[in-house]
Amino acid sequence: MTQTELQQLIDDATFDFTMGENDAALAKLAQATAAAPDACAAWHALAEINFNLRRFDDALAAAEQAHRLRPDDLFINTTLSRVWMEKGDKAKAEHYGAQAKIQSWKEQLQGDAPSD
């Protein structure tokens, strides 16, 4: 699967979800993660859809896989914080929330850096 095909599959799954076609969305993301297990965006989309469906264990599993691939990603750390808060583990939620905040600051500082 090419990167373009993968992104199209993720986009199609996201659209399906927004249209209420949850099973179709999850099936497409399962296909995407099977075809490209190192595709962080696919795992993150899977985490977010499961989170919105209140399937917190599935959301956590997908978010943890995305985090293994990109531990410094602001959005994945935010997702993990939200999942852990829903699962009732405030300490873990705060940990990932702090990681997201640190990453946000790093990105802001990089954006403020003078260009050569």
PDB file of N, CA and C in Angstrom:
ATOM      1  N   MET A   1       0.846  -1.171   0.000  1.00  0.00           N
ATOM      2  CA  MET A   1       0.000   0.000   0.000  1.00  0.00           C
ATOM      3  C   MET A   1       0.895   1.239   0.000  1.00  0.00           C
ATOM      4  N   THR A   2       0.624   2.144  -0.910  1.00  0.00           N
ATOM      5  CA  THR A   2       1.405   3.380  -0.975  1.00  0.00           C
ATOM      6  C   THR A   2       0.960   4.335   0.127  1.00  0.00           C
ATOM      7  N   GLN A   3       1.772   5.332   0.366  1.00  0.00           N
ATOM      8  CA  GLN A   3       1.431   6.344   1.371  1.00  0.00           C
ATOM      9  C   GLN A   3       0.136   7.062   0.983  1.00  0.00           C
ATOM     10  N   THR A   4      -0.035   7.326  -0.296  1.00  0.00           N
ATOM     11  CA  THR A   4      -1.254   7.990  -0.775  1.00  0.00           C
ATOM     12  C   THR A   4      -2.477   7.107  -0.543  1.00  0.00           C
ATOM     13  N   GLU A   5      -2.355   5.826  -0.841  1.00  0.00           N
ATOM     14  CA  GLU A   5      -3.474   4.900  -0.617  1.00  0.00           C
ATOM     15  C   GLU A   5      -3.795   4.789   0.876  1.00  0.00           C
ATOM     16  N   LEU A   6      -2.757   4.747   1.682  1.00  0.00           N
ATOM     17  CA  LEU A   6      -2.949   4.670   3.127  1.00  0.00           C
ATOM     18  C   LEU A   6      -3.686   5.905   3.638  1.00  0.00           C
ATOM     19  N   GLN A   7      -3.226   7.076   3.211  1.00  0.00           N
ATOM     20  CA  GLN A   7      -3.873   8.305   3.664  1.00  0.00           C
ATOM     21  C   GLN A   7      -5.322   8.364   3.191  1.00  0.00           C
ATOM     22  N   GLN A   8      -5.585   7.885   1.974  1.00  0.00           N
ATOM     23  CA  GLN A   8      -6.958   7.875   1.467  1.00  0.00           C
ATOM     24  C   GLN A   8      -7.839   6.952   2.311  1.00  0.00           C
ATOM     25  N   LEU A   9      -7.294   5.826   2.711  1.00  0.00           N
ATOM     26  CA  LEU A   9      -8.034   4.889   3.557  1.00  0.00           C
ATOM     27  C   LEU A   9      -8.352   5.517   4.919  1.00  0.00           C
ATOM     28  N   ILE A  10      -7.382   6.209   5.495  1.00  0.00           N
ATOM     29  CA  ILE A  10      -7.600   6.900   6.771  1.00  0.00           C
ATOM     30  C   ILE A  10      -8.650   7.992   6.596  1.00  0.00           C
ATOM     31  N   ASP A  11      -8.543   8.752   5.520  1.00  0.00           N
ATOM     32  CA  ASP A  11      -9.518   9.812   5.252  1.00  0.00           C
ATOM     33  C   ASP A  11     -10.913   9.235   5.044  1.00  0.00           C
ATOM     34  N   ASP A  12     -11.000   8.134   4.304  1.00  0.00           N
ATOM     35  CA  ASP A  12     -12.298   7.489   4.080  1.00  0.00           C
ATOM     36  C   ASP A  12     -12.895   6.986   5.394  1.00  0.00           C
ATOM     37  N   ALA A  13     -12.062   6.422   6.247  1.00  0.00           N
ATOM     38  CA  ALA A  13     -12.528   5.933   7.548  1.00  0.00           C
ATOM     39  C   ALA A  13     -13.037   7.089   8.407  1.00  0.00           C
ATOM     40  N   THR A  14     -12.315   8.183   8.386  1.00  0.00           N
ATOM     41  CA  THR A  14     -12.730   9.356   9.154  1.00  0.00           C
ATOM     42  C   THR A  14     -14.068   9.881   8.638  1.00  0.00           C
ATOM     43  N   PHE A  15     -14.214   9.926   7.318  1.00  0.00           N
ATOM     44  CA  PHE A  15     -15.485  10.360   6.734  1.00  0.00           C
ATOM     45  C   PHE A  15     -16.611   9.408   7.124  1.00  0.00           C
ATOM     46  N   ASP A  16     -16.347   8.100   7.030  1.00  0.00           N
ATOM     47  CA  ASP A  16     -17.361   7.121   7.421  1.00  0.00           C
ATOM     48  C   ASP A  16     -17.808   7.369   8.858  1.00  0.00           C
ATOM     49  N   PHE A  17     -16.858   7.599   9.740  1.00  0.00           N
ATOM     50  CA  PHE A  17     -17.192   7.838  11.138  1.00  0.00           C
ATOM     51  C   PHE A  17     -18.069   9.074  11.282  1.00  0.00           C
ATOM     52  N   THR A  18     -17.709  10.146  10.579  1.00  0.00           N
ATOM     53  CA  THR A  18     -18.502  11.370  10.699  1.00  0.00           C
ATOM     54  C   THR A  18     -19.914  11.185  10.165  1.00  0.00           C
ATOM     55  N   MET A  19     -20.089  10.213   9.262  1.00  0.00           N
ATOM     56  CA  MET A  19     -21.409   9.928   8.703  1.00  0.00           C
ATOM     57  C   MET A  19     -22.159   8.869   9.512  1.00  0.00           C
ATOM     58  N   GLY A  20     -21.561   8.429  10.615  1.00  0.00           N
ATOM     59  CA  GLY A  20     -22.220   7.449  11.471  1.00  0.00           C
ATOM     60  C   GLY A  20     -22.008   6.006  11.064  1.00  0.00           C
ATOM     61  N   GLU A  21     -21.118   5.783  10.133  1.00  0.00           N
ATOM     62  CA  GLU A  21     -20.811   4.426   9.667  1.00  0.00           C
ATOM     63  C   GLU A  21     -19.617   3.890  10.462  1.00  0.00           C
ATOM     64  N   ASN A  22     -19.858   3.634  11.736  1.00  0.00           N
ATOM     65  CA  ASN A  22     -18.772   3.258  12.645  1.00  0.00           C
ATOM     66  C   ASN A  22     -18.098   1.950  12.264  1.00  0.00           C
ATOM     67  N   ASP A  23     -18.876   0.940  11.903  1.00  0.00           N
ATOM     68  CA  ASP A  23     -18.281  -0.349  11.554  1.00  0.00           C
ATOM     69  C   ASP A  23     -17.404  -0.236  10.314  1.00  0.00           C
ATOM     70  N   ALA A  24     -17.854   0.527   9.338  1.00  0.00           N
ATOM     71  CA  ALA A  24     -17.059   0.725   8.115  1.00  0.00           C
ATOM     72  C   ALA A  24     -15.760   1.463   8.445  1.00  0.00           C
ATOM     73  N   ALA A  25     -15.861   2.460   9.305  1.00  0.00           N
ATOM     74  CA  ALA A  25     -14.672   3.219   9.695  1.00  0.00           C
ATOM     75  C   ALA A  25     -13.659   2.320  10.394  1.00  0.00           C
ATOM     76  N   LEU A  26     -14.129   1.533  11.350  1.00  0.00           N
ATOM     77  CA  LEU A  26     -13.231   0.642  12.083  1.00  0.00           C
ATOM     78  C   LEU A  26     -12.624  -0.418  11.177  1.00  0.00           C
ATOM     79  N   ALA A  27     -13.400  -0.915  10.233  1.00  0.00           N
ATOM     80  CA  ALA A  27     -12.880  -1.919   9.291  1.00  0.00           C
ATOM     81  C   ALA A  27     -11.773  -1.326   8.427  1.00  0.00           C
ATOM     82  N   LYS A  28     -11.967  -0.111   7.955  1.00  0.00           N
ATOM     83  CA  LYS A  28     -10.943   0.530   7.124  1.00  0.00           C
ATOM     84  C   LYS A  28      -9.673   0.797   7.920  1.00  0.00           C
ATOM     85  N   LEU A  29      -9.829   1.194   9.158  1.00  0.00           N
ATOM     86  CA  LEU A  29      -8.637   1.433   9.973  1.00  0.00           C
ATOM     87  C   LEU A  29      -7.946   0.133  10.354  1.00  0.00           C
ATOM     88  N   ALA A  30      -8.706  -0.922  10.524  1.00  0.00           N
ATOM     89  CA  ALA A  30      -8.090  -2.240  10.752  1.00  0.00           C
ATOM     90  C   ALA A  30      -7.282  -2.649   9.526  1.00  0.00           C
ATOM     91  N   GLN A  31      -7.832  -2.393   8.364  1.00  0.00           N
ATOM     92  CA  GLN A  31      -7.114  -2.685   7.110  1.00  0.00           C
ATOM     93  C   GLN A  31      -5.842  -1.835   7.019  1.00  0.00           C
ATOM     94  N   ALA A  32      -5.948  -0.569   7.372  1.00  0.00           N
ATOM     95  CA  ALA A  32      -4.796   0.331   7.299  1.00  0.00           C
ATOM     96  C   ALA A  32      -3.695  -0.087   8.263  1.00  0.00           C
ATOM     97  N   THR A  33      -4.065  -0.421   9.495  1.00  0.00           N
ATOM     98  CA  THR A  33      -3.042  -0.803  10.474  1.00  0.00           C
ATOM     99  C   THR A  33      -2.431  -2.157  10.165  1.00  0.00           C
ATOM    100  N   ALA A  34      -3.207  -3.039   9.534  1.00  0.00           N
ATOM    101  CA  ALA A  34      -2.654  -4.341   9.132  1.00  0.00           C
ATOM    102  C   ALA A  34      -1.685  -4.175   7.968  1.00  0.00           C
ATOM    103  N   ALA A  35      -2.047  -3.321   7.025  1.00  0.00           N
ATOM    104  CA  ALA A  35      -1.205  -3.117   5.845  1.00  0.00           C
ATOM    105  C   ALA A  35       0.033  -2.285   6.155  1.00  0.00           C
ATOM    106  N   ALA A  36      -0.095  -1.376   7.106  1.00  0.00           N
ATOM    107  CA  ALA A  36       1.016  -0.488   7.456  1.00  0.00           C
ATOM    108  C   ALA A  36       1.088  -0.347   8.975  1.00  0.00           C
ATOM    109  N   PRO A  37       1.613  -1.368   9.657  1.00  0.00           N
ATOM    110  CA  PRO A  37       1.635  -1.341  11.123  1.00  0.00           C
ATOM    111  C   PRO A  37       2.479  -0.217  11.723  1.00  0.00           C
ATOM    112  N   ASP A  38       3.306   0.429  10.906  1.00  0.00           N
ATOM    113  CA  ASP A  38       4.105   1.548  11.400  1.00  0.00           C
ATOM    114  C   ASP A  38       3.485   2.903  11.050  1.00  0.00           C
ATOM    115  N   ALA A  39       2.225   2.890  10.636  1.00  0.00           N
ATOM    116  CA  ALA A  39       1.533   4.124  10.257  1.00  0.00           C
ATOM    117  C   ALA A  39       0.893   4.750  11.498  1.00  0.00           C
ATOM    118  N   CYS A  40       1.592   5.659  12.081  1.00  0.00           N
ATOM    119  CA  CYS A  40       1.137   6.309  13.308  1.00  0.00           C
ATOM    120  C   CYS A  40      -0.230   6.969  13.112  1.00  0.00           C
ATOM    121  N   ALA A  41      -0.446   7.599  11.987  1.00  0.00           N
ATOM    122  CA  ALA A  41      -1.720   8.289  11.734  1.00  0.00           C
ATOM    123  C   ALA A  41      -2.896   7.320  11.759  1.00  0.00           C
ATOM    124  N   ALA A  42      -2.705   6.119  11.257  1.00  0.00           N
ATOM    125  CA  ALA A  42      -3.779   5.123  11.259  1.00  0.00           C
ATOM    126  C   ALA A  42      -4.101   4.687  12.683  1.00  0.00           C
ATOM    127  N   TRP A  43      -3.080   4.439  13.478  1.00  0.00           N
ATOM    128  CA  TRP A  43      -3.290   4.048  14.871  1.00  0.00           C
ATOM    129  C   TRP A  43      -3.955   5.170  15.656  1.00  0.00           C
ATOM    130  N   HIS A  44      -3.532   6.398  15.395  1.00  0.00           N
ATOM    131  CA  HIS A  44      -4.123   7.530  16.103  1.00  0.00           C
ATOM    132  C   HIS A  44      -5.592   7.698  15.720  1.00  0.00           C
ATOM    133  N   ALA A  45      -5.905   7.571  14.442  1.00  0.00           N
ATOM    134  CA  ALA A  45      -7.309   7.665  14.014  1.00  0.00           C
ATOM    135  C   ALA A  45      -8.134   6.563  14.670  1.00  0.00           C
ATOM    136  N   LEU A  46      -7.574   5.367  14.734  1.00  0.00           N
ATOM    137  CA  LEU A  46      -8.265   4.249  15.375  1.00  0.00           C
ATOM    138  C   LEU A  46      -8.503   4.546  16.856  1.00  0.00           C
ATOM    139  N   ALA A  47      -7.522   5.124  17.505  1.00  0.00           N
ATOM    140  CA  ALA A  47      -7.671   5.490  18.916  1.00  0.00           C
ATOM    141  C   ALA A  47      -8.777   6.527  19.089  1.00  0.00           C
ATOM    142  N   GLU A  48      -8.779   7.527  18.254  1.00  0.00           N
ATOM    143  CA  GLU A  48      -9.771   8.601  18.388  1.00  0.00           C
ATOM    144  C   GLU A  48     -11.192   8.104  18.122  1.00  0.00           C
ATOM    145  N   ILE A  49     -11.354   7.278  17.120  1.00  0.00           N
ATOM    146  CA  ILE A  49     -12.697   6.759  16.830  1.00  0.00           C
ATOM    147  C   ILE A  49     -13.175   5.872  17.970  1.00  0.00           C
ATOM    148  N   ASN A  50     -12.307   4.985  18.438  1.00  0.00           N
ATOM    149  CA  ASN A  50     -12.702   4.146  19.574  1.00  0.00           C
ATOM    150  C   ASN A  50     -12.998   4.988  20.807  1.00  0.00           C
ATOM    151  N   PHE A  51     -12.232   6.038  21.027  1.00  0.00           N
ATOM    152  CA  PHE A  51     -12.486   6.923  22.160  1.00  0.00           C
ATOM    153  C   PHE A  51     -13.885   7.535  22.041  1.00  0.00           C
ATOM    154  N   ASN A  52     -14.199   8.036  20.864  1.00  0.00           N
ATOM    155  CA  ASN A  52     -15.504   8.657  20.658  1.00  0.00           C
ATOM    156  C   ASN A  52     -16.648   7.661  20.761  1.00  0.00           C
ATOM    157  N   LEU A  53     -16.364   6.395  20.493  1.00  0.00           N
ATOM    158  CA  LEU A  53     -17.362   5.343  20.660  1.00  0.00           C
ATOM    159  C   LEU A  53     -17.390   4.822  22.099  1.00  0.00           C
ATOM    160  N   ARG A  54     -16.554   5.412  22.954  1.00  0.00           N
ATOM    161  CA  ARG A  54     -16.442   5.043  24.367  1.00  0.00           C
ATOM    162  C   ARG A  54     -15.930   3.614  24.557  1.00  0.00           C
ATOM    163  N   ARG A  55     -15.141   3.159  23.619  1.00  0.00           N
ATOM    164  CA  ARG A  55     -14.460   1.861  23.706  1.00  0.00           C
ATOM    165  C   ARG A  55     -13.043   2.146  24.191  1.00  0.00           C
ATOM    166  N   PHE A  56     -12.935   2.422  25.477  1.00  0.00           N
ATOM    167  CA  PHE A  56     -11.693   2.955  26.013  1.00  0.00           C
ATOM    168  C   PHE A  56     -10.533   1.962  25.997  1.00  0.00           C
ATOM    169  N   ASP A  57     -10.802   0.674  26.178  1.00  0.00           N
ATOM    170  CA  ASP A  57      -9.713  -0.302  26.118  1.00  0.00           C
ATOM    171  C   ASP A  57      -9.139  -0.383  24.701  1.00  0.00           C
ATOM    172  N   ASP A  58     -10.019  -0.369  23.701  1.00  0.00           N
ATOM    173  CA  ASP A  58      -9.554  -0.386  22.307  1.00  0.00           C
ATOM    174  C   ASP A  58      -8.836   0.913  21.955  1.00  0.00           C
ATOM    175  N   ALA A  59      -9.365   2.021  22.467  1.00  0.00           N
ATOM    176  CA  ALA A  59      -8.722   3.314  22.227  1.00  0.00           C
ATOM    177  C   ALA A  59      -7.327   3.334  22.842  1.00  0.00           C
ATOM    178  N   LEU A  60      -7.212   2.806  24.048  1.00  0.00           N
ATOM    179  CA  LEU A  60      -5.919   2.766  24.719  1.00  0.00           C
ATOM    180  C   LEU A  60      -4.917   1.907  23.951  1.00  0.00           C
ATOM    181  N   ALA A  61      -5.341   0.744  23.506  1.00  0.00           N
ATOM    182  CA  ALA A  61      -4.430  -0.139  22.760  1.00  0.00           C
ATOM    183  C   ALA A  61      -3.915   0.548  21.489  1.00  0.00           C
ATOM    184  N   ALA A  62      -4.803   1.205  20.768  1.00  0.00           N
ATOM    185  CA  ALA A  62      -4.392   1.886  19.533  1.00  0.00           C
ATOM    186  C   ALA A  62      -3.508   3.092  19.850  1.00  0.00           C
ATOM    187  N   ALA A  63      -3.866   3.854  20.875  1.00  0.00           N
ATOM    188  CA  ALA A  63      -3.070   5.026  21.241  1.00  0.00           C
ATOM    189  C   ALA A  63      -1.673   4.626  21.716  1.00  0.00           C
ATOM    190  N   GLU A  64      -1.596   3.532  22.462  1.00  0.00           N
ATOM    191  CA  GLU A  64      -0.278   3.069  22.913  1.00  0.00           C
ATOM    192  C   GLU A  64       0.589   2.637  21.739  1.00  0.00           C
ATOM    193  N   GLN A  65      -0.021   2.025  20.733  1.00  0.00           N
ATOM    194  CA  GLN A  65       0.750   1.654  19.540  1.00  0.00           C
ATOM    195  C   GLN A  65       1.241   2.915  18.821  1.00  0.00           C
ATOM    196  N   ALA A  66       0.386   3.900  18.678  1.00  0.00           N
ATOM    197  CA  ALA A  66       0.793   5.162  18.055  1.00  0.00           C
ATOM    198  C   ALA A  66       1.914   5.816  18.865  1.00  0.00           C
ATOM    199  N   HIS A  67       1.797   5.758  20.179  1.00  0.00           N
ATOM    200  CA  HIS A  67       2.809   6.354  21.052  1.00  0.00           C
ATOM    201  C   HIS A  67       4.151   5.645  20.913  1.00  0.00           C
ATOM    202  N   ARG A  68       4.126   4.327  20.756  1.00  0.00           N
ATOM    203  CA  ARG A  68       5.387   3.591  20.533  1.00  0.00           C
ATOM    204  C   ARG A  68       6.072   4.069  19.253  1.00  0.00           C
ATOM    205  N   LEU A  69       5.266   4.420  18.266  1.00  0.00           N
ATOM    206  CA  LEU A  69       5.821   4.870  16.992  1.00  0.00           C
ATOM    207  C   LEU A  69       6.292   6.322  17.043  1.00  0.00           C
ATOM    208  N   ARG A  70       5.585   7.157  17.816  1.00  0.00           N
ATOM    209  CA  ARG A  70       5.913   8.580  17.905  1.00  0.00           C
ATOM    210  C   ARG A  70       5.678   9.097  19.331  1.00  0.00           C
ATOM    211  N   PRO A  71       6.583   8.787  20.233  1.00  0.00           N
ATOM    212  CA  PRO A  71       6.365   9.147  21.641  1.00  0.00           C
ATOM    213  C   PRO A  71       6.322  10.653  21.909  1.00  0.00           C
ATOM    214  N   ASP A  72       6.883  11.452  21.038  1.00  0.00           N
ATOM    215  CA  ASP A  72       6.900  12.894  21.263  1.00  0.00           C
ATOM    216  C   ASP A  72       5.774  13.627  20.535  1.00  0.00           C
ATOM    217  N   ASP A  73       4.815  12.893  20.015  1.00  0.00           N
ATOM    218  CA  ASP A  73       3.725  13.520  19.279  1.00  0.00           C
ATOM    219  C   ASP A  73       2.730  14.177  20.246  1.00  0.00           C
ATOM    220  N   LEU A  74       2.498  15.439  20.050  1.00  0.00           N
ATOM    221  CA  LEU A  74       1.593  16.213  20.893  1.00  0.00           C
ATOM    222  C   LEU A  74       0.200  15.598  20.941  1.00  0.00           C
ATOM    223  N   PHE A  75      -0.340  15.240  19.789  1.00  0.00           N
ATOM    224  CA  PHE A  75      -1.715  14.768  19.705  1.00  0.00           C
ATOM    225  C   PHE A  75      -1.894  13.375  20.315  1.00  0.00           C
ATOM    226  N   ILE A  76      -0.918  12.518  20.140  1.00  0.00           N
ATOM    227  CA  ILE A  76      -1.008  11.179  20.715  1.00  0.00           C
ATOM    228  C   ILE A  76      -0.946  11.253  22.244  1.00  0.00           C
ATOM    229  N   ASN A  77      -0.078  12.102  22.761  1.00  0.00           N
ATOM    230  CA  ASN A  77      -0.010  12.274  24.214  1.00  0.00           C
ATOM    231  C   ASN A  77      -1.314  12.851  24.751  1.00  0.00           C
ATOM    232  N   THR A  78      -1.924  13.750  23.998  1.00  0.00           N
ATOM    233  CA  THR A  78      -3.217  14.302  24.398  1.00  0.00           C
ATOM    234  C   THR A  78      -4.285  13.213  24.404  1.00  0.00           C
ATOM    235  N   THR A  79      -4.287  12.384  23.375  1.00  0.00           N
ATOM    236  CA  THR A  79      -5.252  11.282  23.310  1.00  0.00           C
ATOM    237  C   THR A  79      -5.065  10.337  24.489  1.00  0.00           C
ATOM    238  N   LEU A  80      -3.822   9.984  24.780  1.00  0.00           N
ATOM    239  CA  LEU A  80      -3.564   9.099  25.918  1.00  0.00           C
ATOM    240  C   LEU A  80      -4.027   9.732  27.228  1.00  0.00           C
ATOM    241  N   SER A  81      -3.841  11.021  27.381  1.00  0.00           N
ATOM    242  CA  SER A  81      -4.302  11.707  28.577  1.00  0.00           C
ATOM    243  C   SER A  81      -5.822  11.603  28.701  1.00  0.00           C
ATOM    244  N   ARG A  82      -6.518  11.832  27.612  1.00  0.00           N
ATOM    245  CA  ARG A  82      -7.979  11.763  27.628  1.00  0.00           C
ATOM    246  C   ARG A  82      -8.474  10.346  27.924  1.00  0.00           C
ATOM    247  N   VAL A  83      -7.819   9.350  27.318  1.00  0.00           N
ATOM    248  CA  VAL A  83      -8.225   7.960  27.546  1.00  0.00           C
ATOM    249  C   VAL A  83      -8.031   7.588  29.014  1.00  0.00           C
ATOM    250  N   TRP A  84      -6.850   7.911  29.552  1.00  0.00           N
ATOM    251  CA  TRP A  84      -6.586   7.548  30.944  1.00  0.00           C
ATOM    252  C   TRP A  84      -7.524   8.276  31.899  1.00  0.00           C
ATOM    253  N   MET A  85      -7.900   9.493  31.566  1.00  0.00           N
ATOM    254  CA  MET A  85      -8.853  10.206  32.423  1.00  0.00           C
ATOM    255  C   MET A  85     -10.197   9.473  32.419  1.00  0.00           C
ATOM    256  N   GLU A  86     -10.645   9.035  31.260  1.00  0.00           N
ATOM    257  CA  GLU A  86     -11.903   8.297  31.172  1.00  0.00           C
ATOM    258  C   GLU A  86     -11.830   6.956  31.894  1.00  0.00           C
ATOM    259  N   LYS A  87     -10.649   6.356  31.889  1.00  0.00           N
ATOM    260  CA  LYS A  87     -10.476   5.071  32.558  1.00  0.00           C
ATOM    261  C   LYS A  87     -10.268   5.243  34.072  1.00  0.00           C
ATOM    262  N   GLY A  88     -10.186   6.500  34.526  1.00  0.00           N
ATOM    263  CA  GLY A  88     -10.112   6.766  35.954  1.00  0.00           C
ATOM    264  C   GLY A  88      -8.723   6.806  36.547  1.00  0.00           C
ATOM    265  N   ASP A  89      -7.688   6.867  35.712  1.00  0.00           N
ATOM    266  CA  ASP A  89      -6.326   6.925  36.237  1.00  0.00           C
ATOM    267  C   ASP A  89      -5.799   8.351  36.056  1.00  0.00           C
ATOM    268  N   LYS A  90      -6.065   9.167  37.058  1.00  0.00           N
ATOM    269  CA  LYS A  90      -5.709  10.584  36.979  1.00  0.00           C
ATOM    270  C   LYS A  90      -4.196  10.785  36.868  1.00  0.00           C
ATOM    271  N   ALA A  91      -3.418   9.972  37.559  1.00  0.00           N
ATOM    272  CA  ALA A  91      -1.956  10.125  37.524  1.00  0.00           C
ATOM    273  C   ALA A  91      -1.421   9.907  36.109  1.00  0.00           C
ATOM    274  N   LYS A  92      -1.881   8.867  35.447  1.00  0.00           N
ATOM    275  CA  LYS A  92      -1.428   8.622  34.073  1.00  0.00           C
ATOM    276  C   LYS A  92      -1.955   9.700  33.133  1.00  0.00           C
ATOM    277  N   ALA A  93      -3.188  10.128  33.362  1.00  0.00           N
ATOM    278  CA  ALA A  93      -3.749  11.201  32.533  1.00  0.00           C
ATOM    279  C   ALA A  93      -2.906  12.461  32.662  1.00  0.00           C
ATOM    280  N   GLU A  94      -2.527  12.795  33.880  1.00  0.00           N
ATOM    281  CA  GLU A  94      -1.710  13.984  34.097  1.00  0.00           C
ATOM    282  C   GLU A  94      -0.321  13.833  33.485  1.00  0.00           C
ATOM    283  N   HIS A  95       0.229  12.637  33.564  1.00  0.00           N
ATOM    284  CA  HIS A  95       1.543  12.384  32.964  1.00  0.00           C
ATOM    285  C   HIS A  95       1.509  12.677  31.464  1.00  0.00           C
ATOM    286  N   TYR A  96       0.548  12.088  30.770  1.00  0.00           N
ATOM    287  CA  TYR A  96       0.483  12.290  29.328  1.00  0.00           C
ATOM    288  C   TYR A  96       0.063  13.714  28.968  1.00  0.00           C
ATOM    289  N   GLY A  97      -0.759  14.317  29.811  1.00  0.00           N
ATOM    290  CA  GLY A  97      -1.113  15.719  29.601  1.00  0.00           C
ATOM    291  C   GLY A  97       0.109  16.615  29.703  1.00  0.00           C
ATOM    292  N   ALA A  98       0.967  16.337  30.672  1.00  0.00           N
ATOM    293  CA  ALA A  98       2.204  17.101  30.826  1.00  0.00           C
ATOM    294  C   ALA A  98       3.122  16.895  29.625  1.00  0.00           C
ATOM    295  N   GLN A  99       3.208  15.650  29.150  1.00  0.00           N
ATOM    296  CA  GLN A  99       4.029  15.374  27.976  1.00  0.00           C
ATOM    297  C   GLN A  99       3.528  16.153  26.763  1.00  0.00           C
ATOM    298  N   ALA A 100       2.216  16.230  26.615  1.00  0.00           N
ATOM    299  CA  ALA A 100       1.633  16.991  25.506  1.00  0.00           C
ATOM    300  C   ALA A 100       1.974  18.470  25.640  1.00  0.00           C
ATOM    301  N   LYS A 101       1.887  18.997  26.852  1.00  0.00           N
ATOM    302  CA  LYS A 101       2.188  20.406  27.089  1.00  0.00           C
ATOM    303  C   LYS A 101       3.656  20.700  26.788  1.00  0.00           C
ATOM    304  N   ILE A 102       4.540  19.824  27.209  1.00  0.00           N
ATOM    305  CA  ILE A 102       5.977  19.996  26.926  1.00  0.00           C
ATOM    306  C   ILE A 102       6.219  20.009  25.428  1.00  0.00           C
ATOM    307  N   GLN A 103       5.588  19.077  24.721  1.00  0.00           N
ATOM    308  CA  GLN A 103       5.761  19.018  23.271  1.00  0.00           C
ATOM    309  C   GLN A 103       5.217  20.279  22.610  1.00  0.00           C
ATOM    310  N   SER A 104       4.117  20.781  23.118  1.00  0.00           N
ATOM    311  CA  SER A 104       3.547  22.021  22.587  1.00  0.00           C
ATOM    312  C   SER A 104       4.527  23.180  22.757  1.00  0.00           C
ATOM    313  N   TRP A 105       5.132  23.266  23.933  1.00  0.00           N
ATOM    314  CA  TRP A 105       6.113  24.326  24.172  1.00  0.00           C
ATOM    315  C   TRP A 105       7.306  24.189  23.241  1.00  0.00           C
ATOM    316  N   LYS A 106       7.769  22.957  23.046  1.00  0.00           N
ATOM    317  CA  LYS A 106       8.904  22.735  22.142  1.00  0.00           C
ATOM    318  C   LYS A 106       8.560  23.211  20.738  1.00  0.00           C
ATOM    319  N   GLU A 107       7.358  22.868  20.282  1.00  0.00           N
ATOM    320  CA  GLU A 107       6.947  23.280  18.935  1.00  0.00           C
ATOM    321  C   GLU A 107       6.831  24.795  18.841  1.00  0.00           C
ATOM    322  N   GLN A 108       6.334  25.429  19.895  1.00  0.00           N
ATOM    323  CA  GLN A 108       6.243  26.883  19.887  1.00  0.00           C
ATOM    324  C   GLN A 108       7.625  27.518  19.835  1.00  0.00           C
ATOM    325  N   LEU A 109       8.553  26.971  20.613  1.00  0.00           N
ATOM    326  CA  LEU A 109       9.918  27.512  20.616  1.00  0.00           C
ATOM    327  C   LEU A 109      10.591  27.322  19.268  1.00  0.00           C
ATOM    328  N   GLN A 110      10.352  26.200  18.644  1.00  0.00           N
ATOM    329  CA  GLN A 110      10.947  25.978  17.317  1.00  0.00           C
ATOM    330  C   GLN A 110      10.361  26.945  16.302  1.00  0.00           C
ATOM    331  N   GLY A 111       9.079  27.247  16.452  1.00  0.00           N
ATOM    332  CA  GLY A 111       8.449  28.206  15.546  1.00  0.00           C
ATOM    333  C   GLY A 111       8.941  29.614  15.746  1.00  0.00           C
ATOM    334  N   ASP A 112       9.409  29.938  16.964  1.00  0.00           N
ATOM    335  CA  ASP A 112       9.922  31.257  17.287  1.00  0.00           C
ATOM    336  C   ASP A 112      11.407  31.421  16.966  1.00  0.00           C
ATOM    337  N   ALA A 113      12.066  30.312  16.639  1.00  0.00           N
ATOM    338  CA  ALA A 113      13.499  30.371  16.377  1.00  0.00           C
ATOM    339  C   ALA A 113      13.759  31.173  15.111  1.00  0.00           C
ATOM    340  N   PRO A 114      14.791  32.033  15.147  1.00  0.00           N
ATOM    341  CA  PRO A 114      15.106  32.815  13.942  1.00  0.00           C
ATOM    342  C   PRO A 114      15.606  31.908  12.830  1.00  0.00           C
ATOM    343  N   SER A 115      15.207  32.225  11.628  1.00  0.00           N
ATOM    344  CA  SER A 115      15.663  31.418  10.481  1.00  0.00           C
ATOM    345  C   SER A 115      16.976  31.965   9.968  1.00  0.00           C
ATOM    346  N   ASP A 116      17.778  31.093   9.394  1.00  0.00           N
ATOM    347  CA  ASP A 116      19.095  31.505   8.867  1.00  0.00           C
ATOM    348  C   ASP A 116      18.960  32.092   7.486  1.00  0.00           C
TER     349      ASP A 116
END
